[in-house]
Amino acid sequence: MKYRWFIVFMLFLACMISYLDRAALSVAAPLIAKDFHLDPAHLGVVFSAFFVGYSLFCFIGGYAADRFGARRVLIIAIAFWSIFCSMTAIASGLVSLLIIRVVFGAGEGPLATCTSKIISGWFDRKEQTTAVGFANSGLQIGAALAGPVIGLMAVQWGWRVPFVVIGIVGMLWVIMWSIFSSDRPEGNRWIRNTTRFSATNVSSVGLATAACPGKPLSVYLKSPIILATSLAYFGYAYILYFFLSWFPSYLMMERHLSLASMSIVNVIPWVLGFLGIALGGFTSDLIFKWTGNALKSRKIVIVGGLLVAAVCVALAGIANSVAMAVALMSITVFFMNLTLSVYWAIILDTVEPARMGGVGGFMHLLANTAGILAPILTGFLVQWTKVFTSAFFFGGGIALAGALAVAFFVRSPREPATFVDDLNVEPVR
């Protein structure tokens, strides 16, 4: 049924807008730092402020999605973050910028969990990871657009104007989503007389199951599978937020590129990141079809992707040219993004629908504490050492730890086609 792919496209746009919003500060950071007289350490704190609100509302937003519906939570969240993105334009100094970024981050927190929860209601299990991958690939497109769009607008009209423009774009998305979306196909007024998504055959998710959770949330949160996956997700997120926050400044501060040149060069890794996310979910689902073992398909992609990313980000720190540094970071971004959809696939594989929001939000909260740590640690490392090399090596080490956690602590299941049994939970069929 084609309408479900329209829902995925709308979620793709939401993800694209979220990273366009989020990356805007990184692109404009040199201009903002000059206006507000911020040193690298202060700039790192500004980057991290977003993730204080974001990390907390990853869990709160996921819990709310289970209780009130992911569609409704997304409407409120995206309207909220769009307003505060626009308010960045009225910041007058460090304190006001920090407050706006914390509240803005809270608005973006529920997006990832709500995306996965909505897809679980529209797709069969064998296609869910592919759909999550396509939706999440919008993140990289948004980040890729941020360089030229925000950079050129900032050069032309000043750094404040882009934040207002992308806030308006977010509100337009909210209007479209309010009109055309639903949590599940049987609740969508634009679908008529479908057989695939009838009331008695709704994807792989039954209404009764969605409404009546069988296990307490704590059962899932203590699971070794969830905890090890969260650590791997943290490794992914640490490199991501180091790159998202500091790579544009690295290109200007250490490689001495102009704002215009940096805005164009910064697109390259994000384009490869888009391909990585789009292919990661498809690759994992393909391995699942070949092997019949969900756990093996997830582990292969996560461990392999994070290992390559760890090596390449470390090498980027000692690259002897701009071209080599950008090439190595592009490879890093591609391979780390192969893993993104797979973290969420593990949630879809192991968690009953009525608990997906809470468990996904918990995992997302743990992972996104990297958003608080990476910008601050990078800022202090750069200020202390006067170069970026140590920050690149540290990011590689964190990713390596995540890969090892999945390799050694996510155990093989008794049931070859699913590893839900490790949680003593009935499989989602």
Protein backbone atom coordinates (compact mmCIF):
# COMPACT_ATOMS: atom_id res chain seq x y z
CA MET A 1 0.00 0.00 0.00
CA LYS A 2 1.50 3.30 -1.15
CA TYR A 3 0.07 5.53 1.57
CA ARG A 4 2.35 4.01 4.21
CA TRP A 5 5.34 5.23 2.18
CA PHE A 6 3.81 8.69 2.17
CA ILE A 7 3.85 8.51 5.98
CA VAL A 8 7.52 7.51 5.80
CA PHE A 9 8.17 10.46 3.46
CA MET A 10 6.54 12.84 5.94
CA LEU A 11 8.73 11.42 8.70
CA PHE A 12 11.73 11.79 6.37
CA LEU A 13 10.87 15.49 6.04
CA ALA A 14 10.51 15.85 9.81
CA CYS A 15 13.96 14.32 10.31
CA MET A 16 15.40 16.55 7.60
CA ILE A 17 13.96 19.68 9.24
CA SER A 18 15.22 18.59 12.66
CA TYR A 19 18.83 18.39 11.50
CA LEU A 20 18.55 21.53 9.40
CA ASP A 21 17.45 23.26 12.61
CA ARG A 22 20.06 21.54 14.74
CA ALA A 23 23.02 22.01 12.40
CA ALA A 24 22.22 25.67 11.83
CA LEU A 25 24.00 26.69 15.03
CA SER A 26 27.13 24.74 14.09
CA VAL A 27 27.34 26.44 10.70
CA ALA A 28 26.68 29.89 12.16
CA ALA A 29 28.87 29.26 15.23
CA PRO A 30 31.92 31.26 14.08
CA LEU A 31 29.72 34.34 13.49
CA ILE A 32 27.84 33.88 16.77
CA ALA A 33 31.09 33.38 18.69
CA LYS A 34 32.43 36.61 17.22
CA ASP A 35 29.26 38.56 18.10
CA PHE A 36 29.02 37.22 21.66
CA HIS A 37 32.79 36.96 22.31
CA LEU A 38 32.73 33.21 23.00
CA ASP A 39 35.93 31.14 23.33
CA PRO A 40 36.03 27.41 22.35
CA ALA A 41 35.11 26.26 25.86
CA HIS A 42 32.04 28.55 25.99
CA LEU A 43 31.07 27.51 22.47
CA GLY A 44 31.22 23.87 23.55
CA VAL A 45 28.82 24.63 26.40
CA VAL A 46 26.42 26.29 23.94
CA PHE A 47 26.50 23.21 21.69
CA SER A 48 25.85 20.96 24.69
CA ALA A 49 22.93 23.02 26.01
CA PHE A 50 20.67 21.65 23.28
CA PHE A 51 21.23 18.10 24.51
CA VAL A 52 20.33 18.83 28.13
CA GLY A 53 16.70 19.32 27.08
CA TYR A 54 16.93 16.84 24.22
CA SER A 55 18.19 13.86 26.24
CA LEU A 56 15.60 14.27 28.98
CA PHE A 57 12.71 14.55 26.53
CA CYS A 58 13.87 11.54 24.54
CA PHE A 59 12.50 9.48 27.42
CA ILE A 60 9.61 11.77 28.39
CA GLY A 61 8.53 12.04 24.74
CA GLY A 62 8.72 8.28 24.25
CA TYR A 63 6.65 7.64 27.37
CA ALA A 64 4.11 10.24 26.20
CA ALA A 65 3.93 8.54 22.79
CA ASP A 66 2.93 5.27 24.47
CA ARG A 67 0.31 7.07 26.55
CA PHE A 68 -1.14 9.65 24.15
CA GLY A 69 -0.10 8.50 20.66
CA ALA A 70 3.02 9.28 18.64
CA ARG A 71 1.18 11.38 16.05
CA ARG A 72 -0.13 13.79 18.68
CA VAL A 73 3.23 14.03 20.43
CA LEU A 74 4.97 14.87 17.13
CA ILE A 75 2.52 17.70 16.40
CA ILE A 76 3.22 19.31 19.76
CA ALA A 77 6.96 18.64 19.71
CA ILE A 78 7.69 19.96 16.22
CA ALA A 79 5.55 23.07 16.71
CA PHE A 80 7.40 23.67 19.98
CA TRP A 81 10.90 23.25 18.56
CA SER A 82 10.09 25.37 15.48
CA ILE A 83 9.06 28.28 17.69
CA PHE A 84 12.23 28.09 19.77
CA CYS A 85 14.42 27.62 16.71
CA SER A 86 13.09 30.95 15.45
CA MET A 87 13.69 32.49 18.88
CA THR A 88 17.43 31.87 18.44
CA ALA A 89 17.33 35.03 16.34
CA ILE A 90 16.49 37.14 19.40
CA ALA A 91 19.32 35.81 21.58
CA SER A 92 21.39 38.68 23.00
CA GLY A 93 24.24 36.84 24.68
CA LEU A 94 25.48 33.61 26.20
CA VAL A 95 22.76 33.22 28.86
CA SER A 96 19.77 33.79 26.56
CA LEU A 97 21.33 31.53 23.92
CA LEU A 98 21.77 28.75 26.48
CA ILE A 99 18.15 28.97 27.67
CA ILE A 100 16.76 28.93 24.12
CA ARG A 101 18.93 25.95 23.16
CA VAL A 102 17.85 23.88 26.18
CA VAL A 103 14.15 24.43 25.46
CA PHE A 104 14.66 23.94 21.71
CA GLY A 105 16.36 20.61 22.45
CA ALA A 106 13.42 19.48 24.59
CA GLY A 107 11.15 19.94 21.56
CA GLU A 108 13.31 17.71 19.35
CA GLY A 109 13.65 14.94 21.95
CA PRO A 110 10.56 12.85 21.04
CA LEU A 111 11.22 12.68 17.26
CA ALA A 112 13.26 9.48 16.92
CA THR A 113 11.11 7.37 19.23
CA CYS A 114 7.86 8.63 17.69
CA THR A 115 9.20 7.88 14.21
CA SER A 116 9.92 4.25 15.09
CA LYS A 117 6.62 3.83 16.93
CA ILE A 118 4.58 5.13 14.00
CA ILE A 119 6.45 2.88 11.56
CA SER A 120 5.78 -0.12 13.80
CA GLY A 121 2.06 0.56 13.36
CA TRP A 122 2.22 0.86 9.57
CA PHE A 123 4.72 -1.84 8.51
CA ASP A 124 5.24 -5.56 8.86
CA ARG A 125 8.28 -6.59 10.86
CA LYS A 126 10.24 -7.68 7.78
CA GLU A 127 10.09 -4.14 6.35
CA GLN A 128 10.27 -2.02 9.49
CA THR A 129 14.04 -1.50 9.55
CA THR A 130 14.07 -0.47 5.90
CA ALA A 131 11.30 2.05 6.56
CA VAL A 132 13.10 3.41 9.65
CA GLY A 133 16.25 3.76 7.54
CA PHE A 134 14.49 5.77 4.84
CA ALA A 135 12.85 8.04 7.40
CA ASN A 136 16.08 8.62 9.32
CA SER A 137 18.04 9.34 6.14
CA GLY A 138 16.34 12.73 6.21
CA LEU A 139 18.62 13.61 9.13
CA GLN A 140 21.67 13.64 6.89
CA ILE A 141 19.94 15.51 4.09
CA GLY A 142 19.00 18.22 6.57
CA ALA A 143 22.57 18.43 7.83
CA ALA A 144 23.92 18.50 4.27
CA LEU A 145 21.57 21.34 3.35
CA ALA A 146 22.52 23.27 6.48
CA GLY A 147 26.00 24.08 5.18
CA PRO A 148 25.10 25.86 1.94
CA VAL A 149 21.64 27.08 2.99
CA ILE A 150 22.53 28.47 6.41
CA GLY A 151 26.02 29.53 5.39
CA LEU A 152 24.96 31.48 2.33
CA MET A 153 21.95 33.03 4.09
CA ALA A 154 24.18 34.05 6.99
CA VAL A 155 26.67 35.68 4.62
CA GLN A 156 23.90 37.48 2.77
CA TRP A 157 21.58 38.57 5.63
CA GLY A 158 23.35 37.80 8.89
CA TRP A 159 23.22 34.72 11.11
CA ARG A 160 19.83 35.47 12.72
CA VAL A 161 17.66 35.26 9.58
CA PRO A 162 18.17 31.52 8.84
CA PHE A 163 16.77 30.51 12.24
CA VAL A 164 13.51 32.34 11.55
CA VAL A 165 13.18 30.83 8.07
CA ILE A 166 13.65 27.22 9.15
CA GLY A 167 11.28 27.73 12.08
CA ILE A 168 8.58 28.69 9.56
CA VAL A 169 9.36 25.58 7.51
CA GLY A 170 8.81 23.45 10.63
CA MET A 171 5.38 24.98 11.26
CA LEU A 172 4.33 24.24 7.67
CA TRP A 173 5.24 20.59 8.26
CA VAL A 174 3.09 20.53 11.41
CA ILE A 175 0.06 21.67 9.40
CA MET A 176 0.58 18.95 6.77
CA TRP A 177 1.13 16.25 9.39
CA SER A 178 -2.02 17.27 11.28
CA ILE A 179 -4.09 16.84 8.14
CA PHE A 180 -2.71 13.64 6.60
CA SER A 181 -1.22 11.45 9.36
CA SER A 182 -2.39 8.84 11.85
CA ASP A 183 -0.78 6.45 14.30
CA ARG A 184 -2.08 3.43 12.38
CA PRO A 185 -3.67 2.94 8.97
CA GLU A 186 -7.10 1.96 10.30
CA GLY A 187 -7.34 5.38 11.95
CA ASN A 188 -6.52 7.32 8.78
CA ARG A 189 -9.45 9.03 7.08
CA TRP A 190 -7.65 9.14 3.73
CA ILE A 191 -7.60 5.33 3.45
CA ARG A 192 -10.72 3.55 2.31
CA ASN A 193 -11.52 -0.18 2.12
CA THR A 194 -7.97 -1.51 2.38
CA THR A 195 -7.44 -5.23 2.92
CA ARG A 196 -3.84 -5.23 3.99
CA PHE A 197 -4.56 -2.93 6.92
CA SER A 198 -7.98 -4.02 8.09
CA ALA A 199 -9.01 -3.91 11.74
CA THR A 200 -8.16 -7.59 12.09
CA ASN A 201 -4.87 -7.46 10.19
CA VAL A 202 -2.92 -4.36 11.15
CA SER A 203 0.70 -4.86 10.06
CA SER A 204 2.38 -6.97 12.75
CA VAL A 205 0.81 -5.01 15.57
CA GLY A 206 -2.57 -5.82 17.08
CA LEU A 207 -4.72 -3.14 18.63
CA ALA A 208 -5.18 -5.10 21.82
CA THR A 209 -1.44 -5.61 22.14
CA ALA A 210 -0.79 -1.92 21.57
CA ALA A 211 -3.30 -0.91 24.18
CA CYS A 212 -2.50 -3.47 26.89
CA PRO A 213 1.20 -3.87 27.76
CA GLY A 214 2.11 -7.34 29.00
CA LYS A 215 5.35 -6.55 30.87
CA PRO A 216 6.49 -3.68 33.10
CA LEU A 217 8.80 -1.14 31.52
CA SER A 218 11.52 -2.04 34.04
CA VAL A 219 11.81 -5.57 32.57
CA TYR A 220 13.05 -4.10 29.32
CA LEU A 221 15.23 -1.39 30.83
CA LYS A 222 17.30 -3.98 32.77
CA SER A 223 17.83 -6.20 29.74
CA PRO A 224 21.50 -6.74 28.67
CA ILE A 225 20.37 -6.41 25.06
CA ILE A 226 18.91 -2.95 25.63
CA LEU A 227 21.84 -1.76 27.78
CA ALA A 228 24.54 -2.98 25.38
CA THR A 229 22.66 -1.52 22.42
CA SER A 230 22.39 1.78 24.27
CA LEU A 231 26.16 1.85 24.81
CA ALA A 232 26.76 1.21 21.11
CA TYR A 233 24.25 3.93 20.26
CA PHE A 234 26.20 6.23 22.61
CA GLY A 235 29.37 5.47 20.63
CA TYR A 236 27.58 6.37 17.41
CA ALA A 237 26.14 9.52 18.96
CA TYR A 238 29.47 10.70 20.37
CA ILE A 239 31.07 10.82 16.92
CA LEU A 240 27.91 12.30 15.43
CA TYR A 241 27.72 15.18 17.89
CA PHE A 242 31.44 15.82 17.79
CA PHE A 243 31.10 16.06 14.02
CA LEU A 244 27.84 18.00 14.04
CA SER A 245 29.02 20.54 16.59
CA TRP A 246 32.69 21.00 15.82
CA PHE A 247 33.59 19.88 12.29
CA PRO A 248 32.58 23.20 10.66
CA SER A 249 34.62 25.10 13.25
CA TYR A 250 37.51 22.64 12.77
CA LEU A 251 37.55 23.37 9.05
CA MET A 252 37.69 27.10 9.72
CA MET A 253 39.88 27.22 12.84
CA GLU A 254 42.46 24.54 12.04
CA ARG A 255 42.20 24.16 8.26
CA HIS A 256 41.62 27.90 7.66
CA LEU A 257 38.71 27.59 5.22
CA SER A 258 36.41 30.56 4.68
CA LEU A 259 32.78 30.37 5.78
CA ALA A 260 31.64 30.00 2.17
CA SER A 261 34.19 27.23 1.42
CA MET A 262 33.41 25.40 4.66
CA SER A 263 29.69 25.50 3.88
CA ILE A 264 30.27 23.63 0.63
CA VAL A 265 32.92 21.17 1.88
CA ASN A 266 30.80 20.26 4.91
CA VAL A 267 28.09 18.87 2.60
CA ILE A 268 30.21 15.92 1.43
CA PRO A 269 30.18 13.80 4.64
CA TRP A 270 26.47 14.38 5.15
CA VAL A 271 25.63 13.14 1.65
CA LEU A 272 27.50 9.91 2.39
CA GLY A 273 25.74 9.79 5.75
CA PHE A 274 22.39 9.89 3.92
CA LEU A 275 23.44 6.88 1.86
CA GLY A 276 24.63 5.10 4.99
CA ILE A 277 21.33 5.49 6.83
CA ALA A 278 19.27 4.54 3.78
CA LEU A 279 21.38 1.41 3.18
CA GLY A 280 21.79 0.38 6.82
CA GLY A 281 18.20 -0.65 7.42
CA PHE A 282 17.96 -2.34 4.03
CA THR A 283 21.23 -4.21 4.62
CA SER A 284 20.15 -5.47 8.03
CA ASP A 285 16.77 -6.63 6.72
CA LEU A 286 18.49 -8.34 3.79
CA ILE A 287 20.87 -10.23 6.11
CA PHE A 288 17.85 -11.16 8.24
CA LYS A 289 16.12 -12.66 5.19
CA TRP A 290 19.25 -14.64 4.27
CA THR A 291 20.03 -15.97 7.75
CA GLY A 292 16.63 -16.06 9.46
CA ASN A 293 18.44 -14.66 12.51
CA ALA A 294 17.46 -11.14 13.51
CA LEU A 295 20.16 -10.79 16.15
CA LYS A 296 22.97 -11.77 13.80
CA SER A 297 21.80 -9.30 11.15
CA ARG A 298 21.74 -6.45 13.70
CA LYS A 299 25.12 -7.34 15.24
CA ILE A 300 26.93 -7.60 11.90
CA VAL A 301 25.86 -4.10 10.87
CA ILE A 302 26.45 -2.44 14.27
CA VAL A 303 29.84 -4.01 15.05
CA GLY A 304 31.20 -3.69 11.51
CA GLY A 305 29.98 -0.12 11.03
CA LEU A 306 31.28 1.17 14.38
CA LEU A 307 34.68 -0.50 13.98
CA VAL A 308 35.31 1.15 10.61
CA ALA A 309 34.03 4.49 11.92
CA ALA A 310 36.32 4.30 14.97
CA VAL A 311 39.44 3.72 12.86
CA CYS A 312 38.61 6.40 10.28
CA VAL A 313 37.74 9.17 12.75
CA ALA A 314 41.04 8.59 14.57
CA LEU A 315 42.98 8.74 11.29
CA ALA A 316 41.15 11.95 10.34
CA GLY A 317 42.73 13.59 13.38
CA ILE A 318 46.22 13.12 11.93
CA ALA A 319 45.37 13.73 8.26
CA ASN A 320 47.94 15.94 6.53
CA SER A 321 45.53 17.76 4.23
CA VAL A 322 41.98 19.13 4.12
CA ALA A 323 41.06 16.66 1.38
CA MET A 324 42.28 13.66 3.40
CA ALA A 325 40.52 14.85 6.58
CA VAL A 326 37.23 15.36 4.73
CA ALA A 327 37.57 11.99 2.96
CA LEU A 328 38.19 10.12 6.21
CA MET A 329 35.34 11.90 8.00
CA SER A 330 33.07 11.09 5.05
CA ILE A 331 33.90 7.39 5.40
CA THR A 332 33.36 7.69 9.15
CA VAL A 333 29.94 9.28 8.72
CA PHE A 334 28.90 6.67 6.12
CA PHE A 335 29.78 3.65 8.26
CA MET A 336 28.51 5.00 11.56
CA ASN A 337 25.21 5.86 9.88
CA LEU A 338 24.86 2.32 8.56
CA THR A 339 24.17 1.44 12.19
CA LEU A 340 21.56 4.07 13.05
CA SER A 341 18.39 2.29 12.00
CA VAL A 342 19.62 -0.98 13.48
CA TYR A 343 19.52 0.31 17.07
CA TRP A 344 15.84 1.01 16.53
CA ALA A 345 15.39 -2.34 14.78
CA ILE A 346 16.43 -4.05 18.01
CA ILE A 347 13.66 -2.15 19.81
CA LEU A 348 11.14 -3.16 17.14
CA ASP A 349 12.31 -6.79 17.34
CA THR A 350 12.30 -7.16 21.11
CA VAL A 351 9.71 -4.83 22.59
CA GLU A 352 5.93 -5.11 22.58
CA PRO A 353 4.24 -2.16 20.80
CA ALA A 354 2.76 -0.65 23.97
CA ARG A 355 6.27 -0.29 25.46
CA MET A 356 8.21 0.81 22.36
CA GLY A 357 7.99 4.49 23.21
CA GLY A 358 9.28 4.11 26.76
CA VAL A 359 12.08 1.68 25.90
CA GLY A 360 13.11 3.58 22.78
CA GLY A 361 13.07 6.84 24.71
CA PHE A 362 15.24 5.32 27.46
CA MET A 363 17.79 4.07 24.93
CA HIS A 364 17.73 7.40 23.14
CA LEU A 365 18.23 9.26 26.43
CA LEU A 366 21.32 7.22 27.31
CA ALA A 367 22.76 7.59 23.82
CA ASN A 368 22.17 11.29 23.62
CA THR A 369 24.01 12.12 26.79
CA ALA A 370 26.83 12.04 24.23
CA GLY A 371 25.34 15.25 22.90
CA ILE A 372 26.05 16.88 26.24
CA LEU A 373 29.52 15.40 26.65
CA ALA A 374 31.00 15.51 23.15
CA PRO A 375 30.75 19.28 22.50
CA ILE A 376 31.99 20.23 25.99
CA LEU A 377 34.86 17.72 26.06
CA THR A 378 35.91 18.72 22.56
CA GLY A 379 35.87 22.40 23.49
CA PHE A 380 38.06 21.85 26.53
CA LEU A 381 40.41 19.48 24.69
CA VAL A 382 40.88 22.01 21.90
CA GLN A 383 41.43 24.85 24.34
CA TRP A 384 43.90 22.76 26.35
CA THR A 385 45.89 21.22 23.48
CA LYS A 386 45.36 23.99 20.89
CA VAL A 387 44.65 21.32 18.22
CA PHE A 388 41.81 18.92 17.39
CA THR A 389 43.84 15.68 17.21
CA SER A 390 43.02 14.43 20.71
CA ALA A 391 39.30 15.04 20.15
CA PHE A 392 39.33 12.84 17.02
CA PHE A 393 41.16 10.04 18.85
CA PHE A 394 38.82 10.21 21.84
CA GLY A 395 35.77 9.89 19.58
CA GLY A 396 37.28 6.81 17.93
CA GLY A 397 37.84 5.20 21.31
CA ILE A 398 34.21 5.73 22.36
CA ALA A 399 32.93 4.15 19.13
CA LEU A 400 35.26 1.17 19.61
CA ALA A 401 33.85 0.60 23.12
CA GLY A 402 30.31 0.58 21.69
CA ALA A 403 31.21 -1.99 19.04
CA LEU A 404 32.80 -4.27 21.66
CA ALA A 405 29.74 -3.97 23.92
CA VAL A 406 27.45 -5.34 21.21
CA ALA A 407 29.96 -7.99 20.11
CA PHE A 408 30.41 -9.46 23.61
CA PHE A 409 27.28 -8.65 25.61
CA VAL A 410 24.42 -9.05 23.12
CA ARG A 411 24.03 -12.81 23.27
CA SER A 412 22.62 -15.23 20.76
CA PRO A 413 18.96 -16.16 21.35
CA ARG A 414 17.37 -19.52 21.74
CA GLU A 415 14.93 -18.70 18.93
CA PRO A 416 16.81 -18.18 15.64
CA ALA A 417 14.25 -15.87 14.06
CA THR A 418 13.83 -13.53 17.02
CA PHE A 419 15.61 -12.72 20.23
CA VAL A 420 12.59 -11.50 22.18
CA ASP A 421 12.80 -14.65 24.30
CA ASP A 422 15.88 -13.32 26.05
CA LEU A 423 13.55 -10.81 27.71
CA ASN A 424 10.93 -13.42 28.63
CA VAL A 425 8.45 -11.56 26.46
CA GLU A 426 6.15 -13.07 23.87
CA PRO A 427 7.47 -12.41 20.34
CA VAL A 428 5.82 -9.70 18.29
CA ARG A 429 4.50 -11.45 15.18
